[in-house]
N, C-alpha and C. Protein backbone atom coordinates (compact mmCIF):
# COMPACT_ATOMS: atom_id res chain seq x y z
N GLY A 1 56.71 -188.93 -76.65
CA GLY A 1 56.87 -190.01 -77.56
C GLY A 1 56.74 -189.58 -79.00
N GLY A 2 55.75 -188.75 -79.33
CA GLY A 2 55.52 -188.37 -80.71
C GLY A 2 56.65 -187.57 -81.31
N VAL A 3 57.25 -186.71 -80.52
CA VAL A 3 58.35 -185.89 -81.02
C VAL A 3 59.55 -186.75 -81.35
N ILE A 4 59.84 -187.72 -80.50
CA ILE A 4 60.97 -188.61 -80.76
C ILE A 4 60.70 -189.43 -82.02
N GLY A 5 59.47 -189.84 -82.22
CA GLY A 5 59.11 -190.55 -83.45
C GLY A 5 59.34 -189.69 -84.68
N TYR A 6 59.02 -188.40 -84.57
CA TYR A 6 59.25 -187.48 -85.69
C TYR A 6 60.74 -187.42 -86.02
N TRP A 7 61.58 -187.25 -84.99
CA TRP A 7 63.02 -187.12 -85.24
C TRP A 7 63.58 -188.40 -85.84
N ALA A 8 63.12 -189.55 -85.34
CA ALA A 8 63.60 -190.83 -85.87
C ALA A 8 63.19 -190.96 -87.34
N TYR A 9 61.95 -190.63 -87.65
CA TYR A 9 61.48 -190.73 -89.03
C TYR A 9 62.20 -189.72 -89.92
N ALA A 10 62.37 -188.49 -89.45
CA ALA A 10 63.03 -187.46 -90.26
C ALA A 10 64.46 -187.86 -90.59
N SER A 11 65.14 -188.44 -89.64
CA SER A 11 66.51 -188.87 -89.87
C SER A 11 66.57 -189.94 -90.96
N VAL A 12 65.71 -190.94 -90.86
CA VAL A 12 65.67 -192.01 -91.86
C VAL A 12 65.26 -191.46 -93.22
N TRP A 13 64.25 -190.58 -93.23
CA TRP A 13 63.79 -189.99 -94.49
C TRP A 13 64.89 -189.18 -95.17
N LEU A 14 65.59 -188.34 -94.40
CA LEU A 14 66.65 -187.53 -95.00
C LEU A 14 67.76 -188.41 -95.57
N GLU A 15 68.17 -189.41 -94.83
CA GLU A 15 69.24 -190.29 -95.32
C GLU A 15 68.78 -191.11 -96.52
N SER A 16 67.51 -191.53 -96.54
CA SER A 16 67.02 -192.29 -97.70
C SER A 16 66.81 -191.38 -98.91
N SER A 17 66.75 -190.07 -98.68
CA SER A 17 66.63 -189.11 -99.77
C SER A 17 67.98 -188.71 -100.34
N GLY A 18 69.04 -189.36 -99.85
CA GLY A 18 70.37 -189.09 -100.37
C GLY A 18 71.14 -188.01 -99.63
N VAL A 19 70.61 -187.57 -98.52
CA VAL A 19 71.30 -186.56 -97.70
C VAL A 19 72.30 -187.31 -96.82
N SER A 20 73.54 -186.84 -96.79
CA SER A 20 74.57 -187.53 -96.00
C SER A 20 74.24 -187.47 -94.51
N SER A 21 74.87 -188.36 -93.76
CA SER A 21 74.64 -188.41 -92.31
C SER A 21 75.02 -187.10 -91.64
N ALA A 22 76.13 -186.50 -92.08
CA ALA A 22 76.56 -185.23 -91.50
C ALA A 22 75.56 -184.13 -91.81
N ALA A 23 75.08 -184.09 -93.05
CA ALA A 23 74.10 -183.07 -93.43
C ALA A 23 72.78 -183.30 -92.71
N THR A 24 72.40 -184.57 -92.52
CA THR A 24 71.18 -184.89 -91.78
C THR A 24 71.27 -184.37 -90.35
N ALA A 25 72.40 -184.60 -89.72
CA ALA A 25 72.59 -184.11 -88.35
C ALA A 25 72.50 -182.59 -88.31
N SER A 26 73.09 -181.92 -89.29
CA SER A 26 73.03 -180.46 -89.34
C SER A 26 71.62 -179.96 -89.58
N LEU A 27 70.90 -180.60 -90.51
CA LEU A 27 69.53 -180.18 -90.80
C LEU A 27 68.62 -180.36 -89.60
N LEU A 28 68.75 -181.49 -88.91
CA LEU A 28 67.91 -181.72 -87.74
C LEU A 28 68.28 -180.78 -86.60
N SER A 29 69.55 -180.43 -86.50
CA SER A 29 69.97 -179.44 -85.50
C SER A 29 69.39 -178.07 -85.83
N LEU A 30 69.39 -177.73 -87.12
CA LEU A 30 68.79 -176.45 -87.53
C LEU A 30 67.29 -176.44 -87.27
N CYS A 31 66.64 -177.57 -87.50
CA CYS A 31 65.21 -177.67 -87.22
C CYS A 31 64.95 -177.48 -85.72
N LEU A 32 65.80 -178.06 -84.91
CA LEU A 32 65.67 -177.90 -83.46
C LEU A 32 65.90 -176.45 -83.05
N ALA A 33 66.88 -175.79 -83.68
CA ALA A 33 67.10 -174.36 -83.40
C ALA A 33 65.87 -173.56 -83.84
N GLY A 34 65.28 -173.95 -84.95
CA GLY A 34 64.04 -173.30 -85.39
C GLY A 34 62.92 -173.48 -84.38
N GLN A 35 62.87 -174.65 -83.75
CA GLN A 35 61.86 -174.89 -82.73
C GLN A 35 62.06 -173.97 -81.53
N MET A 36 63.31 -173.76 -81.18
CA MET A 36 63.57 -172.83 -80.06
C MET A 36 63.13 -171.42 -80.43
N ALA A 37 63.41 -171.02 -81.66
CA ALA A 37 62.94 -169.70 -82.12
C ALA A 37 61.41 -169.67 -82.16
N GLY A 38 60.81 -170.79 -82.58
CA GLY A 38 59.35 -170.88 -82.62
C GLY A 38 58.71 -170.73 -81.25
N SER A 39 59.43 -171.15 -80.22
CA SER A 39 58.93 -170.97 -78.85
C SER A 39 58.79 -169.49 -78.53
N PHE A 40 59.77 -168.71 -78.96
CA PHE A 40 59.70 -167.27 -78.74
C PHE A 40 58.61 -166.63 -79.59
N VAL A 41 58.42 -167.15 -80.80
CA VAL A 41 57.34 -166.65 -81.65
C VAL A 41 56.00 -166.93 -80.98
N SER A 42 55.84 -168.11 -80.41
CA SER A 42 54.57 -168.45 -79.76
C SER A 42 54.29 -167.54 -78.58
N ILE A 43 55.34 -167.11 -77.89
CA ILE A 43 55.16 -166.16 -76.78
C ILE A 43 54.72 -164.82 -77.33
N ALA A 44 55.28 -164.42 -78.45
CA ALA A 44 54.96 -163.12 -79.04
C ALA A 44 53.52 -163.07 -79.56
N ILE A 45 52.98 -164.21 -79.99
CA ILE A 45 51.62 -164.23 -80.54
C ILE A 45 50.64 -164.94 -79.60
N ALA A 46 50.90 -164.84 -78.31
CA ALA A 46 50.11 -165.58 -77.33
C ALA A 46 48.72 -165.00 -77.08
N ASP A 47 48.36 -163.95 -77.74
CA ASP A 47 47.03 -163.36 -77.58
C ASP A 47 45.97 -164.42 -77.85
N VAL A 48 44.97 -164.49 -76.99
CA VAL A 48 43.95 -165.53 -77.12
C VAL A 48 42.91 -165.23 -78.20
N ARG A 49 42.91 -164.02 -78.72
CA ARG A 49 41.94 -163.68 -79.76
C ARG A 49 42.34 -164.32 -81.09
N PHE A 50 41.36 -164.67 -81.87
CA PHE A 50 41.55 -165.19 -83.22
C PHE A 50 42.41 -166.46 -83.26
N ALA A 51 42.30 -167.30 -82.24
CA ALA A 51 43.13 -168.51 -82.17
C ALA A 51 42.88 -169.43 -83.36
N VAL A 52 41.63 -169.60 -83.75
CA VAL A 52 41.31 -170.51 -84.86
C VAL A 52 41.89 -169.96 -86.16
N LEU A 53 41.77 -168.66 -86.38
CA LEU A 53 42.32 -168.06 -87.59
C LEU A 53 43.84 -168.19 -87.61
N ARG A 54 44.50 -167.89 -86.50
CA ARG A 54 45.96 -168.02 -86.44
C ARG A 54 46.38 -169.46 -86.63
N PHE A 55 45.65 -170.39 -86.02
CA PHE A 55 45.97 -171.80 -86.18
C PHE A 55 45.83 -172.21 -87.65
N SER A 56 44.77 -171.77 -88.30
CA SER A 56 44.54 -172.13 -89.71
C SER A 56 45.64 -171.60 -90.61
N VAL A 57 46.01 -170.34 -90.41
CA VAL A 57 47.07 -169.73 -91.22
C VAL A 57 48.40 -170.45 -90.99
N MET A 58 48.71 -170.73 -89.74
CA MET A 58 49.98 -171.39 -89.44
C MET A 58 49.98 -172.84 -89.90
N LEU A 59 48.83 -173.49 -89.87
CA LEU A 59 48.75 -174.86 -90.36
C LEU A 59 49.00 -174.91 -91.87
N VAL A 60 48.41 -173.97 -92.60
CA VAL A 60 48.66 -173.89 -94.04
C VAL A 60 50.14 -173.62 -94.30
N ALA A 61 50.72 -172.69 -93.52
CA ALA A 61 52.16 -172.41 -93.67
C ALA A 61 52.98 -173.66 -93.38
N LEU A 62 52.62 -174.40 -92.34
CA LEU A 62 53.35 -175.62 -91.99
C LEU A 62 53.26 -176.65 -93.11
N LEU A 63 52.09 -176.80 -93.69
CA LEU A 63 51.92 -177.75 -94.79
C LEU A 63 52.72 -177.34 -96.02
N LEU A 64 52.72 -176.05 -96.33
CA LEU A 64 53.50 -175.57 -97.48
C LEU A 64 55.00 -175.78 -97.25
N ILE A 65 55.45 -175.51 -96.05
CA ILE A 65 56.86 -175.71 -95.72
C ILE A 65 57.20 -177.19 -95.80
N ALA A 66 56.31 -178.04 -95.30
CA ALA A 66 56.56 -179.49 -95.36
C ALA A 66 56.66 -179.97 -96.81
N VAL A 67 55.79 -179.47 -97.68
CA VAL A 67 55.85 -179.84 -99.09
C VAL A 67 57.16 -179.37 -99.70
N PHE A 68 57.57 -178.15 -99.37
CA PHE A 68 58.85 -177.62 -99.87
C PHE A 68 60.01 -178.48 -99.38
N TRP A 69 59.97 -178.87 -98.10
CA TRP A 69 61.06 -179.68 -97.54
C TRP A 69 61.07 -181.07 -98.17
N LEU A 70 59.88 -181.63 -98.44
CA LEU A 70 59.83 -182.93 -99.12
C LEU A 70 60.42 -182.84 -100.52
N ALA A 71 60.19 -181.72 -101.19
CA ALA A 71 60.72 -181.54 -102.54
C ALA A 71 62.22 -181.26 -102.54
N SER A 72 62.71 -180.68 -101.47
CA SER A 72 64.12 -180.32 -101.37
C SER A 72 64.65 -180.71 -99.99
N PRO A 73 64.93 -182.00 -99.79
CA PRO A 73 65.30 -182.48 -98.46
C PRO A 73 66.54 -181.84 -97.85
N SER A 74 67.44 -181.34 -98.67
CA SER A 74 68.67 -180.76 -98.12
C SER A 74 68.56 -179.27 -97.86
N SER A 75 67.35 -178.71 -97.92
CA SER A 75 67.14 -177.28 -97.72
C SER A 75 67.22 -176.91 -96.24
N TRP A 76 68.20 -176.12 -95.90
CA TRP A 76 68.34 -175.66 -94.51
C TRP A 76 67.22 -174.68 -94.18
N LEU A 77 66.77 -173.90 -95.16
CA LEU A 77 65.69 -172.94 -94.93
C LEU A 77 64.39 -173.65 -94.57
N ALA A 78 64.10 -174.73 -95.28
CA ALA A 78 62.89 -175.49 -94.98
C ALA A 78 62.98 -176.12 -93.60
N ALA A 79 64.16 -176.61 -93.22
CA ALA A 79 64.34 -177.23 -91.90
C ALA A 79 64.10 -176.22 -90.79
N VAL A 80 64.67 -175.03 -90.93
CA VAL A 80 64.49 -173.99 -89.90
C VAL A 80 63.04 -173.52 -89.87
N ALA A 81 62.47 -173.25 -91.03
CA ALA A 81 61.09 -172.75 -91.09
C ALA A 81 60.11 -173.77 -90.52
N PHE A 82 60.33 -175.05 -90.83
CA PHE A 82 59.45 -176.09 -90.28
C PHE A 82 59.53 -176.09 -88.76
N GLY A 83 60.73 -176.01 -88.22
CA GLY A 83 60.88 -175.98 -86.77
C GLY A 83 60.20 -174.79 -86.13
N VAL A 84 60.35 -173.61 -86.74
CA VAL A 84 59.74 -172.39 -86.18
C VAL A 84 58.23 -172.52 -86.16
N VAL A 85 57.65 -172.86 -87.29
CA VAL A 85 56.18 -172.89 -87.38
C VAL A 85 55.62 -174.05 -86.57
N TRP A 86 56.29 -175.19 -86.58
CA TRP A 86 55.80 -176.33 -85.82
C TRP A 86 55.72 -176.00 -84.33
N MET A 87 56.72 -175.36 -83.80
CA MET A 87 56.70 -175.05 -82.37
C MET A 87 55.76 -173.88 -82.07
N ALA A 88 55.66 -172.93 -82.98
CA ALA A 88 54.80 -171.77 -82.74
C ALA A 88 53.31 -172.14 -82.79
N ILE A 89 52.98 -173.21 -83.49
CA ILE A 89 51.57 -173.58 -83.63
C ILE A 89 51.04 -174.32 -82.40
N ALA A 90 51.90 -174.95 -81.64
CA ALA A 90 51.46 -175.79 -80.52
C ALA A 90 50.63 -175.04 -79.47
N PRO A 91 51.06 -173.88 -78.98
CA PRO A 91 50.24 -173.18 -77.98
C PRO A 91 48.89 -172.71 -78.53
N ILE A 92 48.85 -172.41 -79.81
CA ILE A 92 47.57 -171.99 -80.41
C ILE A 92 46.60 -173.18 -80.39
N PHE A 93 47.11 -174.35 -80.73
CA PHE A 93 46.28 -175.55 -80.70
C PHE A 93 45.79 -175.83 -79.29
N ALA A 94 46.65 -175.64 -78.30
CA ALA A 94 46.25 -175.84 -76.91
C ALA A 94 45.10 -174.90 -76.54
N ARG A 95 45.16 -173.66 -77.00
CA ARG A 95 44.09 -172.69 -76.73
C ARG A 95 42.78 -173.17 -77.34
N ILE A 96 42.82 -173.69 -78.54
CA ILE A 96 41.61 -174.18 -79.20
C ILE A 96 41.03 -175.37 -78.43
N VAL A 97 41.89 -176.27 -77.97
CA VAL A 97 41.43 -177.42 -77.19
C VAL A 97 40.78 -176.95 -75.90
N LEU A 98 41.40 -175.97 -75.24
CA LEU A 98 40.83 -175.46 -73.99
C LEU A 98 39.49 -174.77 -74.23
N ASP A 99 39.35 -174.07 -75.34
CA ASP A 99 38.07 -173.43 -75.65
C ASP A 99 37.00 -174.46 -75.98
N ALA A 100 37.40 -175.55 -76.62
CA ALA A 100 36.44 -176.59 -77.00
C ALA A 100 35.99 -177.42 -75.81
N ASP A 101 36.80 -177.46 -74.77
CA ASP A 101 36.49 -178.27 -73.59
C ASP A 101 36.57 -177.39 -72.34
N PRO A 102 35.50 -176.62 -72.06
CA PRO A 102 35.54 -175.71 -70.92
C PRO A 102 35.76 -176.40 -69.58
N SER A 103 35.46 -177.71 -69.48
CA SER A 103 35.68 -178.41 -68.22
C SER A 103 37.16 -178.69 -67.98
N ARG A 104 37.96 -178.55 -69.01
CA ARG A 104 39.41 -178.77 -68.96
C ARG A 104 39.78 -180.23 -68.73
N LYS A 105 38.81 -181.14 -68.88
CA LYS A 105 39.11 -182.56 -68.69
C LYS A 105 39.88 -183.13 -69.88
N GLY A 106 39.78 -182.49 -71.04
CA GLY A 106 40.47 -182.96 -72.23
C GLY A 106 41.94 -182.63 -72.25
N VAL A 107 42.36 -181.76 -71.36
CA VAL A 107 43.76 -181.36 -71.32
C VAL A 107 44.35 -181.85 -70.01
N ALA A 108 45.18 -182.86 -70.11
CA ALA A 108 45.72 -183.50 -68.92
C ALA A 108 46.95 -182.79 -68.37
N LEU A 109 47.57 -181.93 -69.16
CA LEU A 109 48.81 -181.30 -68.72
C LEU A 109 48.51 -180.07 -67.86
N ALA A 110 49.01 -180.07 -66.67
CA ALA A 110 48.71 -179.00 -65.72
C ALA A 110 49.27 -177.66 -66.15
N HIS A 111 50.39 -177.67 -66.87
CA HIS A 111 51.00 -176.38 -67.25
C HIS A 111 50.13 -175.63 -68.25
N LEU A 112 49.20 -176.28 -68.91
CA LEU A 112 48.32 -175.58 -69.84
C LEU A 112 47.26 -174.75 -69.11
N ARG A 113 47.12 -174.95 -67.83
CA ARG A 113 46.16 -174.17 -67.06
C ARG A 113 46.49 -172.68 -67.09
N SER A 114 47.72 -172.34 -67.41
CA SER A 114 48.10 -170.93 -67.48
C SER A 114 47.38 -170.21 -68.60
N TRP A 115 46.78 -170.95 -69.52
CA TRP A 115 46.04 -170.32 -70.63
C TRP A 115 44.64 -169.89 -70.20
N GLU A 116 44.20 -170.32 -69.03
CA GLU A 116 42.86 -169.98 -68.58
C GLU A 116 42.76 -168.47 -68.38
N GLU A 117 41.59 -167.97 -68.68
CA GLU A 117 41.37 -166.53 -68.54
C GLU A 117 40.88 -166.19 -67.15
């Protein structure tokens, strides 16, 4: 649900920022392609060590990219970078949640059990 809400809001935001419908579709497609690349990045950095540090660095990067994209809504670079970092940060966050809740009751998704040591 949350991801669909993001796409719906991003589409409205881009169009209200003066970005044409065609450019909006292209930017959101580029962001989605960035998310696919971010999935591969998350696999490459899947090491469980330093999860909080990696999460913090990537969160700062995500916020900086978001500010850049807000300042320049038609930037294809910001769209791709946002997608990459947004998707790459998700598994790191899952690791932090699993570390914070050793009983694993806080994580309802069964596929996250693969992060267990």
